[in-house]
N, C-alpha and C. Protein backbone atom coordinates (compact mmCIF):
# COMPACT_ATOMS: atom_id res chain seq x y z
N MET A 1 114.73 90.99 80.07
CA MET A 1 114.18 89.57 80.90
C MET A 1 113.96 89.84 81.85
N SER A 2 112.67 88.84 82.08
CA SER A 2 111.85 89.10 83.34
C SER A 2 111.01 87.45 84.06
N TYR A 3 111.11 87.85 85.10
CA TYR A 3 110.54 86.36 85.66
C TYR A 3 109.38 86.40 86.64
N SER A 4 108.35 85.88 86.22
CA SER A 4 107.36 85.96 87.21
C SER A 4 107.38 85.62 88.64
N PRO A 5 106.71 85.86 89.68
CA PRO A 5 107.03 85.82 91.08
C PRO A 5 106.81 84.05 91.06
N LYS A 6 106.06 83.24 90.60
CA LYS A 6 106.26 82.00 90.70
C LYS A 6 107.31 81.43 90.09
N LEU A 7 108.09 81.68 89.31
CA LEU A 7 109.35 81.45 88.70
C LEU A 7 110.61 81.79 89.38
N ALA A 8 110.44 82.92 89.90
CA ALA A 8 111.26 83.75 90.85
C ALA A 8 111.72 82.99 91.86
N ALA A 9 110.15 82.60 92.55
CA ALA A 9 110.20 81.54 93.81
C ALA A 9 111.14 80.26 93.66
N ALA A 10 110.82 79.57 92.60
CA ALA A 10 111.23 78.42 91.91
C ALA A 10 112.69 78.61 92.33
N LEU A 11 113.13 79.30 91.03
CA LEU A 11 114.76 79.75 90.93
C LEU A 11 115.51 80.47 92.11
N SER A 12 114.74 81.05 93.18
CA SER A 12 115.69 81.47 94.45
C SER A 12 115.23 80.80 95.45
N GLY A 13 114.12 79.94 95.92
CA GLY A 13 114.04 79.35 97.19
C GLY A 13 113.04 80.11 97.99
N ALA A 14 112.85 81.28 97.63
CA ALA A 14 111.71 82.06 98.56
C ALA A 14 110.39 81.32 98.30
N THR A 15 109.23 81.61 98.79
CA THR A 15 108.00 81.59 99.07
C THR A 15 106.97 82.56 98.36
N LEU A 16 106.11 82.55 97.60
CA LEU A 16 105.33 83.40 96.81
C LEU A 16 105.06 84.50 98.32
N ARG A 17 104.83 83.93 99.62
CA ARG A 17 104.11 85.04 100.73
C ARG A 17 105.52 85.86 100.80
N GLN A 18 107.20 85.38 100.82
CA GLN A 18 108.02 86.07 101.41
C GLN A 18 108.31 86.96 100.18
N LEU A 19 108.17 86.58 98.95
CA LEU A 19 108.53 87.35 97.87
C LEU A 19 107.67 88.84 98.20
N ALA A 20 106.32 88.74 98.27
CA ALA A 20 105.26 89.76 98.52
C ALA A 20 105.55 90.54 99.78
N HIS A 21 106.34 89.68 100.92
CA HIS A 21 106.33 90.55 102.03
C HIS A 21 107.50 91.36 102.20
N TRP A 22 108.60 90.46 101.46
CA TRP A 22 110.13 91.37 100.73
C TRP A 22 109.98 92.58 100.07
N ARG A 23 108.85 92.75 99.24
CA ARG A 23 108.96 93.80 98.20
C ARG A 23 108.07 95.08 98.98
N ASN A 24 107.19 94.98 99.95
CA ASN A 24 106.02 95.77 100.61
C ASN A 24 106.69 96.35 101.31
N ALA A 25 107.10 97.74 101.14
CA ALA A 25 107.70 98.68 102.32
C ALA A 25 107.49 100.13 101.93
N GLY A 26 106.32 100.58 101.68
CA GLY A 26 106.25 101.72 100.95
C GLY A 26 106.79 102.25 99.95
N THR A 27 107.33 103.38 100.15
CA THR A 27 108.22 103.91 99.31
C THR A 27 109.52 102.74 98.74
N GLY A 28 109.78 101.70 99.87
CA GLY A 28 111.22 101.18 99.52
C GLY A 28 112.01 101.01 100.30
N ARG A 29 111.68 101.96 101.16
CA ARG A 29 112.89 102.12 102.53
C ARG A 29 112.46 101.24 103.48
N GLY A 30 113.28 100.10 103.62
CA GLY A 30 113.14 99.24 104.69
C GLY A 30 112.83 97.95 103.55
N ALA A 31 112.59 97.95 102.50
CA ALA A 31 112.31 96.66 101.91
C ALA A 31 113.45 95.85 101.59
N VAL A 32 113.17 94.65 101.47
CA VAL A 32 114.29 93.84 101.36
C VAL A 32 114.87 93.65 100.09
N LEU A 33 113.69 93.63 99.38
CA LEU A 33 114.06 93.67 97.79
C LEU A 33 112.89 94.06 96.93
N VAL A 34 112.86 95.38 95.98
CA VAL A 34 111.74 95.79 95.18
C VAL A 34 112.38 95.54 93.91
N PRO A 35 111.34 94.73 92.87
CA PRO A 35 111.51 93.93 91.74
C PRO A 35 111.88 94.95 90.99
N GLU A 36 113.35 94.86 90.10
CA GLU A 36 113.60 95.87 89.02
C GLU A 36 112.88 96.30 87.88
N VAL A 37 112.08 95.08 87.52
CA VAL A 37 111.46 95.06 86.41
C VAL A 37 110.25 95.95 86.58
N SER A 38 109.26 95.37 87.65
CA SER A 38 107.98 95.73 87.79
C SER A 38 107.66 95.48 89.61
N ALA A 39 107.39 96.63 90.19
CA ALA A 39 107.16 96.05 91.28
C ALA A 39 105.54 96.32 91.71
N ARG A 40 104.60 96.35 90.63
CA ARG A 40 103.18 96.68 90.80
C ARG A 40 102.69 95.22 89.59
N ARG A 41 101.54 94.85 89.62
CA ARG A 41 100.93 93.70 88.95
C ARG A 41 101.03 94.34 87.46
N PRO A 42 101.48 93.34 86.41
CA PRO A 42 101.99 92.01 86.89
C PRO A 42 103.45 92.32 87.55
N VAL A 43 104.01 91.81 88.49
CA VAL A 43 105.10 91.81 89.48
C VAL A 43 105.98 90.91 88.55
N LEU A 44 107.30 91.52 88.04
CA LEU A 44 108.01 90.86 87.33
C LEU A 44 109.35 91.59 87.98
N TYR A 45 110.47 90.03 87.75
CA TYR A 45 111.48 90.05 88.60
C TYR A 45 112.50 89.95 87.49
N SER A 46 114.09 90.80 87.72
CA SER A 46 115.20 90.61 86.93
C SER A 46 115.80 89.41 87.26
N PHE A 47 116.80 89.15 86.60
CA PHE A 47 117.95 87.89 86.81
C PHE A 47 118.65 88.33 87.65
N ARG A 48 119.09 90.05 88.10
CA ARG A 48 119.68 90.37 89.08
C ARG A 48 119.04 89.96 90.49
N ASP A 49 117.59 90.17 90.06
CA ASP A 49 116.79 89.93 91.74
C ASP A 49 116.79 88.43 91.84
N LEU A 50 116.97 87.69 91.00
CA LEU A 50 117.01 86.13 91.55
C LEU A 50 118.29 86.11 92.41
N VAL A 51 119.47 86.66 91.62
CA VAL A 51 120.49 86.29 92.54
C VAL A 51 120.68 86.88 93.84
N ALA A 52 119.81 88.13 94.11
CA ALA A 52 119.44 89.08 95.51
C ALA A 52 118.81 87.75 96.41
N LEU A 53 117.55 87.24 95.79
CA LEU A 53 116.74 86.76 96.48
C LEU A 53 117.28 85.59 96.71
N ARG A 54 118.13 84.95 96.16
CA ARG A 54 118.92 83.77 96.78
C ARG A 54 119.90 84.00 97.84
N THR A 55 120.24 85.22 98.02
CA THR A 55 121.15 85.77 99.09
C THR A 55 120.38 85.71 100.26
N CYS A 56 119.21 86.45 100.13
CA CYS A 56 118.19 86.82 101.19
C CYS A 56 117.77 85.27 101.71
N VAL A 57 117.65 84.11 101.05
CA VAL A 57 116.77 82.87 101.16
C VAL A 57 118.03 82.40 102.25
N LYS A 58 119.31 82.64 101.69
CA LYS A 58 120.37 81.70 102.54
C LYS A 58 120.57 82.53 103.66
N LEU A 59 120.60 83.78 104.00
CA LEU A 59 120.64 84.41 104.87
C LEU A 59 119.40 84.05 105.92
N ARG A 60 118.15 83.77 105.62
CA ARG A 60 117.22 83.73 106.30
C ARG A 60 117.58 82.00 107.10
N ASN A 61 118.19 81.30 106.70
CA ASN A 61 118.64 80.23 107.31
C ASN A 61 119.48 80.47 108.78
N ASP A 62 119.89 81.60 108.74
CA ASP A 62 121.07 81.70 109.84
C ASP A 62 120.51 83.19 110.56
N ALA A 63 119.45 83.97 109.93
CA ALA A 63 119.42 85.13 110.77
C ALA A 63 117.72 85.70 110.34
N SER A 64 117.52 86.56 111.17
CA SER A 64 115.85 86.60 111.59
C SER A 64 115.87 87.58 110.31
N LEU A 65 114.43 87.86 110.13
CA LEU A 65 114.48 89.29 109.16
C LEU A 65 114.58 90.16 109.45
N GLN A 66 114.55 90.58 110.92
CA GLN A 66 114.76 92.04 111.34
C GLN A 66 115.98 92.21 111.41
N LYS A 67 116.90 91.28 111.43
CA LYS A 67 118.39 91.30 111.24
C LYS A 67 119.07 91.85 109.54
N ILE A 68 117.93 90.73 108.81
CA ILE A 68 118.29 91.29 107.43
C ILE A 68 118.37 92.70 107.30
N ARG A 69 116.79 93.04 107.81
CA ARG A 69 116.42 94.86 107.35
C ARG A 69 117.44 95.51 108.00
N ARG A 70 117.92 95.10 109.18
CA ARG A 70 118.92 96.28 109.78
C ARG A 70 120.20 95.76 109.28
N ALA A 71 120.64 94.71 108.51
CA ALA A 71 121.85 94.83 107.53
C ALA A 71 121.88 95.46 106.34
N LEU A 72 120.59 95.70 105.91
CA LEU A 72 120.54 95.99 104.64
C LEU A 72 120.42 97.69 104.92
N ASP A 73 119.83 98.31 105.58
CA ASP A 73 119.74 99.44 106.27
C ASP A 73 121.51 99.94 106.57
N THR A 74 122.00 99.29 107.25
CA THR A 74 123.67 99.89 107.62
C THR A 74 124.02 99.62 106.04
N LEU A 75 123.94 98.71 105.16
CA LEU A 75 124.67 98.81 103.99
C LEU A 75 124.13 100.15 103.23
N ARG A 76 122.93 100.41 102.97
CA ARG A 76 122.26 101.48 102.32
C ARG A 76 122.55 102.68 102.70
N ASP A 77 122.39 102.78 104.20
CA ASP A 77 122.21 104.20 104.63
C ASP A 77 123.54 104.50 105.27
N ASP A 78 124.11 103.92 106.17
CA ASP A 78 125.50 104.10 106.79
C ASP A 78 126.74 103.90 105.75
N LEU A 79 126.62 103.00 105.15
CA LEU A 79 128.04 102.53 104.23
C LEU A 79 127.75 103.50 102.60
N ARG A 80 126.32 104.14 102.75
CA ARG A 80 126.26 104.44 101.24
C ARG A 80 126.24 103.47 99.93
N GLU A 81 126.47 102.13 100.30
CA GLU A 81 126.29 101.30 99.08
C GLU A 81 125.09 101.37 98.64
N ARG A 82 124.91 101.73 97.08
CA ARG A 82 123.61 102.11 96.37
C ARG A 82 123.42 100.79 95.48
N GLU A 83 124.34 100.21 95.33
CA GLU A 83 124.35 99.37 93.90
C GLU A 83 123.17 98.32 94.48
N HIS A 84 123.05 97.56 92.98
CA HIS A 84 122.09 96.54 93.39
C HIS A 84 122.18 95.03 94.38
N LEU A 85 121.43 94.80 95.07
CA LEU A 85 121.68 93.82 96.28
C LEU A 85 122.59 92.60 95.60
N SER A 86 122.48 92.28 94.32
CA SER A 86 123.22 91.00 94.07
C SER A 86 124.50 91.24 93.75
N GLU A 87 124.93 92.55 93.91
CA GLU A 87 126.39 93.15 93.84
C GLU A 87 127.22 92.75 94.73
N TYR A 88 126.57 92.36 96.24
CA TYR A 88 127.34 92.57 97.24
C TYR A 88 127.50 91.03 97.89
N ARG A 89 128.28 90.56 98.78
CA ARG A 89 128.56 89.29 98.88
C ARG A 89 128.24 89.23 100.66
N LEU A 90 126.98 88.38 101.09
CA LEU A 90 126.42 88.67 102.15
C LEU A 90 126.74 87.44 103.22
N VAL A 91 126.54 87.38 104.04
CA VAL A 91 126.71 85.84 104.71
C VAL A 91 126.51 86.17 106.45
N ALA A 92 125.58 84.85 107.04
CA ALA A 92 125.35 85.25 108.43
C ALA A 92 125.73 83.94 108.96
N ASP A 93 126.13 84.02 110.17
CA ASP A 93 126.75 83.17 110.95
C ASP A 93 125.96 82.81 112.25
N GLY A 94 124.74 83.45 112.43
CA GLY A 94 123.83 82.79 113.60
C GLY A 94 123.55 84.30 114.49
N SER A 95 124.79 84.88 114.57
CA SER A 95 124.38 86.41 115.54
C SER A 95 124.54 87.49 114.87
N THR A 96 124.95 87.57 113.42
CA THR A 96 125.45 89.08 112.74
C THR A 96 125.25 88.60 111.11
N ILE A 97 125.50 89.27 110.42
CA ILE A 97 125.40 89.41 109.10
C ILE A 97 126.52 90.06 108.67
N TYR A 98 127.53 89.67 107.69
CA TYR A 98 128.76 90.45 107.16
C TYR A 98 128.68 90.71 105.93
N LEU A 99 129.23 91.84 105.39
CA LEU A 99 129.54 92.24 104.17
C LEU A 99 130.89 91.76 103.90
N VAL A 100 131.02 90.83 103.40
CA VAL A 100 132.26 90.22 103.10
C VAL A 100 132.89 90.74 101.56
N GLU A 101 134.17 91.22 101.74
CA GLU A 101 134.99 91.78 100.88
C GLU A 101 136.31 91.33 100.54
N PRO A 102 137.41 91.46 99.81
CA PRO A 102 138.59 90.42 99.91
C PRO A 102 139.40 90.76 101.14
N GLY A 103 139.72 90.03 102.02
CA GLY A 103 140.40 90.06 103.12
C GLY A 103 139.54 90.58 104.29
N GLN A 104 138.34 91.00 104.00
CA GLN A 104 137.85 91.52 105.41
C GLN A 104 135.89 91.57 105.36
N ALA A 105 135.57 91.50 106.25
CA ALA A 105 134.19 91.73 106.23
C ALA A 105 133.65 92.69 107.63
N THR A 106 132.48 93.19 107.17
CA THR A 106 131.82 94.32 108.05
C THR A 106 130.72 93.89 108.50
N ASP A 107 130.69 93.84 110.05
CA ASP A 107 129.59 93.62 110.55
C ASP A 107 128.62 94.50 110.39
N LEU A 108 127.42 94.08 109.69
CA LEU A 108 126.26 94.98 109.32
C LEU A 108 125.21 95.35 110.20
N VAL A 109 124.92 94.41 111.13
CA VAL A 109 124.31 94.01 112.19
C VAL A 109 124.50 95.36 113.32
N HIS A 110 125.75 94.76 113.82
CA HIS A 110 126.48 95.69 115.00
C HIS A 110 127.13 96.69 114.62
N ARG A 111 127.34 97.02 113.09
CA ARG A 111 127.78 98.24 112.35
C ARG A 111 129.27 98.46 113.16
N LYS A 112 130.02 97.10 112.76
CA LYS A 112 131.15 97.50 113.18
C LYS A 112 132.25 96.73 112.08
N ALA A 113 133.38 97.62 111.58
CA ALA A 113 134.31 97.16 110.35
C ALA A 113 135.48 96.44 110.88
N ASN A 114 135.28 94.77 110.92
CA ASN A 114 136.01 94.36 111.62
C ASN A 114 136.37 93.34 110.61
N ILE A 115 138.13 93.08 110.72
CA ILE A 115 138.40 91.98 109.99
C ILE A 115 138.15 90.65 110.34
N VAL A 116 137.49 89.77 109.30
CA VAL A 116 137.50 88.18 110.25
C VAL A 116 137.57 87.46 109.05
N ILE A 117 137.56 86.30 109.15
CA ILE A 117 137.83 85.25 108.11
C ILE A 117 136.28 84.32 108.22
N HIS A 118 135.73 84.31 107.07
CA HIS A 118 134.52 83.87 107.00
C HIS A 118 134.56 83.17 105.56
N GLU A 119 133.66 82.15 105.70
CA GLU A 119 133.49 81.14 104.63
C GLU A 119 132.84 82.16 103.36
N MET A 120 133.35 82.02 102.11
CA MET A 120 132.80 82.60 101.05
C MET A 120 131.53 81.81 100.20
N VAL A 121 130.32 82.48 99.91
CA VAL A 121 129.28 81.62 100.02
C VAL A 121 128.97 81.96 98.34
N ASP A 122 128.76 80.89 97.73
CA ASP A 122 128.22 81.02 95.98
C ASP A 122 126.87 81.01 96.18
N VAL A 123 126.26 81.91 95.95
CA VAL A 123 124.50 81.66 96.14
C VAL A 123 123.88 81.05 94.81
N LEU A 124 124.78 81.30 93.76
CA LEU A 124 124.32 80.33 92.36
C LEU A 124 124.28 78.56 92.81
N ARG A 125 125.05 78.55 93.55
CA ARG A 125 125.37 76.97 93.72
C ARG A 125 123.97 76.52 94.67
N PRO A 126 123.64 75.17 94.35
CA PRO A 126 122.31 74.66 94.93
C PRO A 126 122.67 74.42 96.51
N PHE A 127 121.41 74.78 97.42
CA PHE A 127 121.39 74.87 98.72
C PHE A 127 119.82 74.28 99.18
N TYR A 128 119.90 74.06 100.52
CA TYR A 128 118.39 73.52 101.00
C TYR A 128 117.86 74.48 101.82
N ARG A 129 116.61 74.70 101.87
CA ARG A 129 115.75 75.63 102.55
C ARG A 129 114.85 75.06 103.06
N ASP A 130 114.63 75.02 104.28
CA ASP A 130 113.10 74.10 105.09
C ASP A 130 112.94 72.88 104.64
N GLY A 131 114.25 72.00 104.27
CA GLY A 131 113.95 70.72 103.74
C GLY A 131 114.13 70.52 102.14
N ARG A 132 113.49 71.78 101.62
CA ARG A 132 113.65 71.75 99.83
C ARG A 132 114.98 72.12 99.47
N HIS A 133 115.41 71.47 98.22
CA HIS A 133 116.34 71.40 97.58
C HIS A 133 116.27 72.73 96.56
N ILE A 134 116.98 73.70 96.95
CA ILE A 134 116.87 74.84 95.79
C ILE A 134 117.98 74.52 94.72
N PRO A 135 117.59 74.38 93.36
CA PRO A 135 118.62 74.27 92.40
C PRO A 135 119.80 74.99 92.12
N ASP A 136 120.93 74.64 91.30
CA ASP A 136 121.63 75.45 91.00
C ASP A 136 120.73 76.59 89.88
N LEU A 137 121.47 78.04 89.98
CA LEU A 137 120.64 78.81 89.34
C LEU A 137 120.59 78.86 88.22
N LEU A 138 122.14 78.31 87.44
CA LEU A 138 122.18 78.28 86.15
C LEU A 138 122.13 77.14 85.45
N ARG A 139 121.78 76.13 86.53
CA ARG A 139 121.51 74.90 86.00
C ARG A 139 120.48 74.09 86.84
N PRO A 140 119.56 74.67 86.92
CA PRO A 140 118.06 73.79 87.83
C PRO A 140 118.18 72.40 87.39
N ARG A 141 118.48 72.04 86.28
CA ARG A 141 118.65 70.42 86.14
C ARG A 141 119.33 70.56 84.93
N GLU A 142 119.99 68.73 84.82
CA GLU A 142 121.12 68.58 83.88
C GLU A 142 121.07 69.30 82.69
N HIS A 143 119.58 68.79 81.94
CA HIS A 143 119.54 69.54 80.65
C HIS A 143 118.74 70.70 80.45
N VAL A 144 118.41 71.78 81.72
CA VAL A 144 117.70 72.47 81.85
C VAL A 144 118.66 73.76 82.20
N ALA A 145 118.40 74.92 81.60
CA ALA A 145 119.81 76.03 81.66
C ALA A 145 119.23 77.18 81.73
N VAL A 146 119.78 78.23 82.66
CA VAL A 146 119.57 79.71 82.76
C VAL A 146 120.40 80.52 82.38
N ASP A 147 120.31 81.62 81.21
CA ASP A 147 121.19 82.02 80.95
C ASP A 147 120.64 83.38 80.18
N PRO A 148 121.05 84.38 81.01
CA PRO A 148 120.60 85.63 80.98
C PRO A 148 120.78 86.26 79.17
N ALA A 149 121.66 85.77 78.37
CA ALA A 149 121.77 86.19 77.02
C ALA A 149 120.54 85.36 76.51
N VAL A 150 120.24 84.34 77.04
CA VAL A 150 119.57 83.16 76.02
C VAL A 150 117.66 83.43 76.10
N ARG A 151 116.61 83.81 75.57
CA ARG A 151 115.61 83.88 75.81
C ARG A 151 114.92 84.87 77.10
N GLY A 152 116.17 85.82 76.95
CA GLY A 152 115.82 86.80 78.23
C GLY A 152 115.84 86.15 79.64
N GLY A 153 116.77 85.28 79.68
CA GLY A 153 117.13 84.36 80.89
C GLY A 153 115.99 83.35 81.24
N ILE A 154 115.01 82.99 80.60
CA ILE A 154 113.95 81.73 80.66
C ILE A 154 114.54 80.65 81.14
N PRO A 155 114.44 79.63 81.80
CA PRO A 155 114.76 78.39 81.67
C PRO A 155 114.53 77.64 80.38
N VAL A 156 115.64 76.99 79.71
CA VAL A 156 115.60 76.35 78.34
C VAL A 156 116.11 75.28 78.24
N ILE A 157 116.04 74.36 77.48
CA ILE A 157 116.62 72.84 77.12
C ILE A 157 118.03 73.43 76.71
N GLU A 158 118.95 73.09 77.56
CA GLU A 158 120.28 73.17 77.36
C GLU A 158 121.14 73.12 76.00
N GLY A 159 121.58 73.73 75.30
CA GLY A 159 122.19 74.22 74.39
C GLY A 159 121.51 74.50 73.18
N THR A 160 120.07 74.75 73.62
CA THR A 160 118.80 75.30 72.63
C THR A 160 118.13 76.39 72.92
N ARG A 161 117.16 77.06 72.24
CA ARG A 161 116.59 78.28 72.64
C ARG A 161 115.27 77.66 73.21
N VAL A 162 114.63 76.52 73.36
CA VAL A 162 113.64 76.05 73.34
C VAL A 162 113.23 75.80 75.00
N PRO A 163 112.22 76.47 75.39
CA PRO A 163 111.85 77.04 76.53
C PRO A 163 111.22 75.75 77.25
N TYR A 164 111.67 75.55 78.57
CA TYR A 164 111.60 74.11 79.34
C TYR A 164 110.16 73.84 79.49
N ASP A 165 108.92 74.92 79.63
CA ASP A 165 107.55 74.64 79.46
C ASP A 165 106.96 74.49 78.42
N GLU A 166 107.74 74.69 77.30
CA GLU A 166 106.81 74.22 76.13
C GLU A 166 106.97 72.72 75.92
N VAL A 167 108.21 72.21 76.18
CA VAL A 167 108.50 71.09 76.45
C VAL A 167 107.66 69.69 77.27
N ALA A 168 107.73 70.58 78.35
CA ALA A 168 106.90 69.99 79.77
C ALA A 168 105.47 70.08 79.35
N GLY A 169 105.09 70.96 78.59
CA GLY A 169 103.35 70.97 77.95
C GLY A 169 103.08 69.60 77.15
N LEU A 170 104.07 69.59 76.38
CA LEU A 170 104.15 68.39 75.18
C LEU A 170 103.98 66.97 76.32
N LEU A 171 105.12 66.71 77.34
CA LEU A 171 104.83 65.52 77.95
C LEU A 171 103.38 65.46 79.04
N ARG A 172 103.11 66.59 79.12
CA ARG A 172 101.79 66.46 80.26
C ARG A 172 100.71 66.31 79.24
N ASP A 173 100.65 66.58 78.14
CA ASP A 173 99.76 66.32 77.00
C ASP A 173 99.30 64.85 76.62
N GLY A 174 100.69 64.11 76.95
CA GLY A 174 100.66 62.54 76.57
C GLY A 174 101.68 62.48 75.67
N VAL A 175 102.59 63.73 74.92
CA VAL A 175 103.44 62.98 74.14
C VAL A 175 104.67 62.11 75.11
N PRO A 176 105.26 61.08 74.45
CA PRO A 176 106.20 60.35 75.23
C PRO A 176 107.26 61.25 74.91
N ALA A 177 108.37 60.99 76.24
CA ALA A 177 109.29 61.79 75.91
C ALA A 177 110.34 61.26 74.61
N GLU A 178 110.43 59.93 74.19
CA GLU A 178 111.10 59.32 73.32
C GLU A 178 110.57 59.96 71.95
N ARG A 179 109.61 60.78 71.91
CA ARG A 179 108.86 61.17 70.75
C ARG A 179 109.21 62.73 70.42
N ILE A 180 109.38 63.29 71.70
CA ILE A 180 109.85 64.43 71.83
C ILE A 180 110.56 65.19 70.84
N ALA A 181 111.78 64.42 70.18
CA ALA A 181 112.49 64.95 68.97
C ALA A 181 111.43 65.22 67.42
N GLU A 182 110.39 64.80 67.69
CA GLU A 182 109.82 64.94 66.57
C GLU A 182 109.01 66.45 66.34
N TYR A 183 109.02 66.69 67.74
CA TYR A 183 108.43 68.32 67.80
C TYR A 183 109.68 69.36 67.84
N TYR A 184 110.53 68.92 68.85
CA TYR A 184 112.04 69.59 68.50
C TYR A 184 113.15 68.74 68.46
N PRO A 185 113.59 68.87 67.03
CA PRO A 185 114.73 67.95 66.82
C PRO A 185 116.08 67.79 68.21
N SER A 186 116.20 69.06 68.31
CA SER A 186 117.52 68.99 69.24
C SER A 186 117.22 68.80 70.85
N VAL A 187 116.02 68.53 71.51
CA VAL A 187 115.79 68.02 72.42
C VAL A 187 115.72 66.66 72.56
N SER A 188 116.45 65.88 73.47
CA SER A 188 116.50 64.42 73.79
C SER A 188 115.61 64.25 74.45
N ALA A 189 115.23 62.65 74.97
CA ALA A 189 114.21 62.09 75.80
C ALA A 189 114.82 62.63 77.00
N GLY A 190 115.84 62.35 77.66
CA GLY A 190 116.29 62.67 78.85
C GLY A 190 116.15 64.20 79.24
N ALA A 191 116.15 65.05 78.23
CA ALA A 191 116.06 66.48 78.36
C ALA A 191 114.54 66.95 78.42
N ALA A 192 113.81 66.05 77.76
CA ALA A 192 112.44 66.06 78.08
C ALA A 192 112.07 65.89 79.49
N ARG A 193 112.59 64.88 79.81
CA ARG A 193 112.14 64.46 81.15
C ARG A 193 112.56 65.35 82.27
N ASP A 194 113.85 66.11 81.98
CA ASP A 194 114.22 67.10 82.92
C ASP A 194 113.42 68.65 83.08
N ALA A 195 112.65 68.63 81.60
CA ALA A 195 112.22 70.09 81.69
C ALA A 195 110.66 69.49 82.41
N VAL A 196 110.01 68.37 82.34
CA VAL A 196 108.62 68.39 82.68
C VAL A 196 109.28 68.25 84.51
N ASP A 197 110.17 67.71 85.02
CA ASP A 197 110.59 67.33 86.57
C ASP A 197 110.71 68.87 86.74
N PHE A 198 111.54 69.71 86.15
CA PHE A 198 111.64 71.07 86.56
C PHE A 198 110.46 71.83 86.49
N ALA A 199 109.49 71.34 85.55
CA ALA A 199 108.08 71.98 85.50
C ALA A 199 107.28 72.11 86.57
N ASP A 200 107.31 70.74 86.91
CA ASP A 200 106.72 70.07 88.64
C ASP A 200 107.32 71.00 89.80
N TYR A 201 108.17 71.15 89.78
CA TYR A 201 109.21 71.88 90.84
C TYR A 201 108.53 73.16 90.87
N VAL A 202 108.61 73.93 89.66
CA VAL A 202 108.08 75.09 89.72
C VAL A 202 106.73 75.12 90.19
N ASP A 203 105.73 74.46 89.72
CA ASP A 203 104.53 74.21 89.87
C ASP A 203 104.49 73.80 91.26
N SER A 204 105.30 73.17 92.20
CA SER A 204 105.08 73.03 93.45
C SER A 204 105.25 74.54 94.57
N TYR A 205 105.45 75.82 93.89
CA TYR A 205 105.45 76.93 94.45
C TYR A 205 103.91 77.64 94.21
N ASP A 206 102.94 77.08 93.71
CA ASP A 206 101.80 77.32 93.73
C ASP A 206 101.04 77.16 94.86
N PRO A 207 100.41 78.54 95.20
CA PRO A 207 99.53 78.28 96.84
C PRO A 207 98.61 77.62 97.10
N PRO A 208 98.45 76.70 98.02
CA PRO A 208 97.18 75.77 98.09
C PRO A 208 96.38 76.51 97.40
N ARG A 209 95.15 75.41 97.36
CA ARG A 209 94.15 75.45 96.64
C ARG A 209 92.92 76.52 97.43
N ASP A 210 92.95 76.56 98.62
CA ASP A 210 92.24 77.28 99.76
C ASP A 210 92.57 78.66 99.58
N HIS A 211 93.91 78.85 99.80
CA HIS A 211 94.53 80.21 99.62
C HIS A 211 93.88 80.97 97.94
N ARG A 212 94.10 80.34 97.17
CA ARG A 212 93.66 80.86 95.60
C ARG A 212 92.21 81.03 95.78
N ALA A 213 91.36 80.03 96.38
CA ALA A 213 90.03 80.19 96.34
C ALA A 213 89.87 81.54 96.99
N ALA A 214 90.58 81.80 98.20
CA ALA A 214 90.06 82.96 99.20
C ALA A 214 90.57 84.09 98.42
N ALA A 215 91.64 84.23 97.68
CA ALA A 215 92.22 85.40 97.02
C ALA A 215 91.13 85.74 95.59
N ALA A 216 90.36 84.88 95.28
CA ALA A 216 89.63 85.03 94.08
C ALA A 216 87.92 85.55 94.93
N GLY A 217 87.77 84.72 95.67
CA GLY A 217 86.66 85.64 96.63
C GLY A 217 86.73 86.83 97.01
C-alpha cells in the first residue's frame, strides 16, 4: 500500500512543504520521518507513515519542530527505540514531549524518566490544525473509508472496493449523484457526494499555482 504526498498530506494534516522538510535530513539522522515505501521520486508513504505523520502534526500544535527533533533523537539514540514512529504514543504539553506508556511517561526533551499523568491522545481521531479540520484517518467521510486491507489502503466507498476518486471523477464530469449507481451499483448518491467532497478536500492540498509555475520553470 502506498500514498502520494498529496494524499498523505490530506490524511495527516501536514502540508506538502512540511512533508518535504520532515523527510530531508541527509542519511536520515535527524529526519522527522523518512517514507517507508520510497523517499525518492516518486515519493510514497505507507499507512504506518500516515499514523506517524498525524502524530507529528498534533505535536506541532504544542511544540516547536526543534523540540520534536530533540525528542525523536532521545527516543532513537538514548532509549534505543528503533520501531516505526507509529508504534509510539507521543504527546506534547507546551513545555516538553512525552513518550507515554501504561502508567508513566518519559520526558523526551529534558531526558527525564518521570511518572506523570497525561491525557492519552488517539491520533486516528479527527482534530484541528491551523483552523483546518483534519478528518478521521479510517473514516475521512461518512461514506469514505481507509482500510489497509482494502485496495492497499487507498480511500474507498465504505463497504465497497470502489476508489473515492473514480466516483468523484464521474461527478466532476457531470454525472448526477443520483445516477452514480448506473456506473457503480453499490454506491449510493450520498456516498458519491461524500466522495467528491473528500476529493475536493484532498485537492485543497495542491500547492498554489504560482508555486507550481515556479517549480515547472
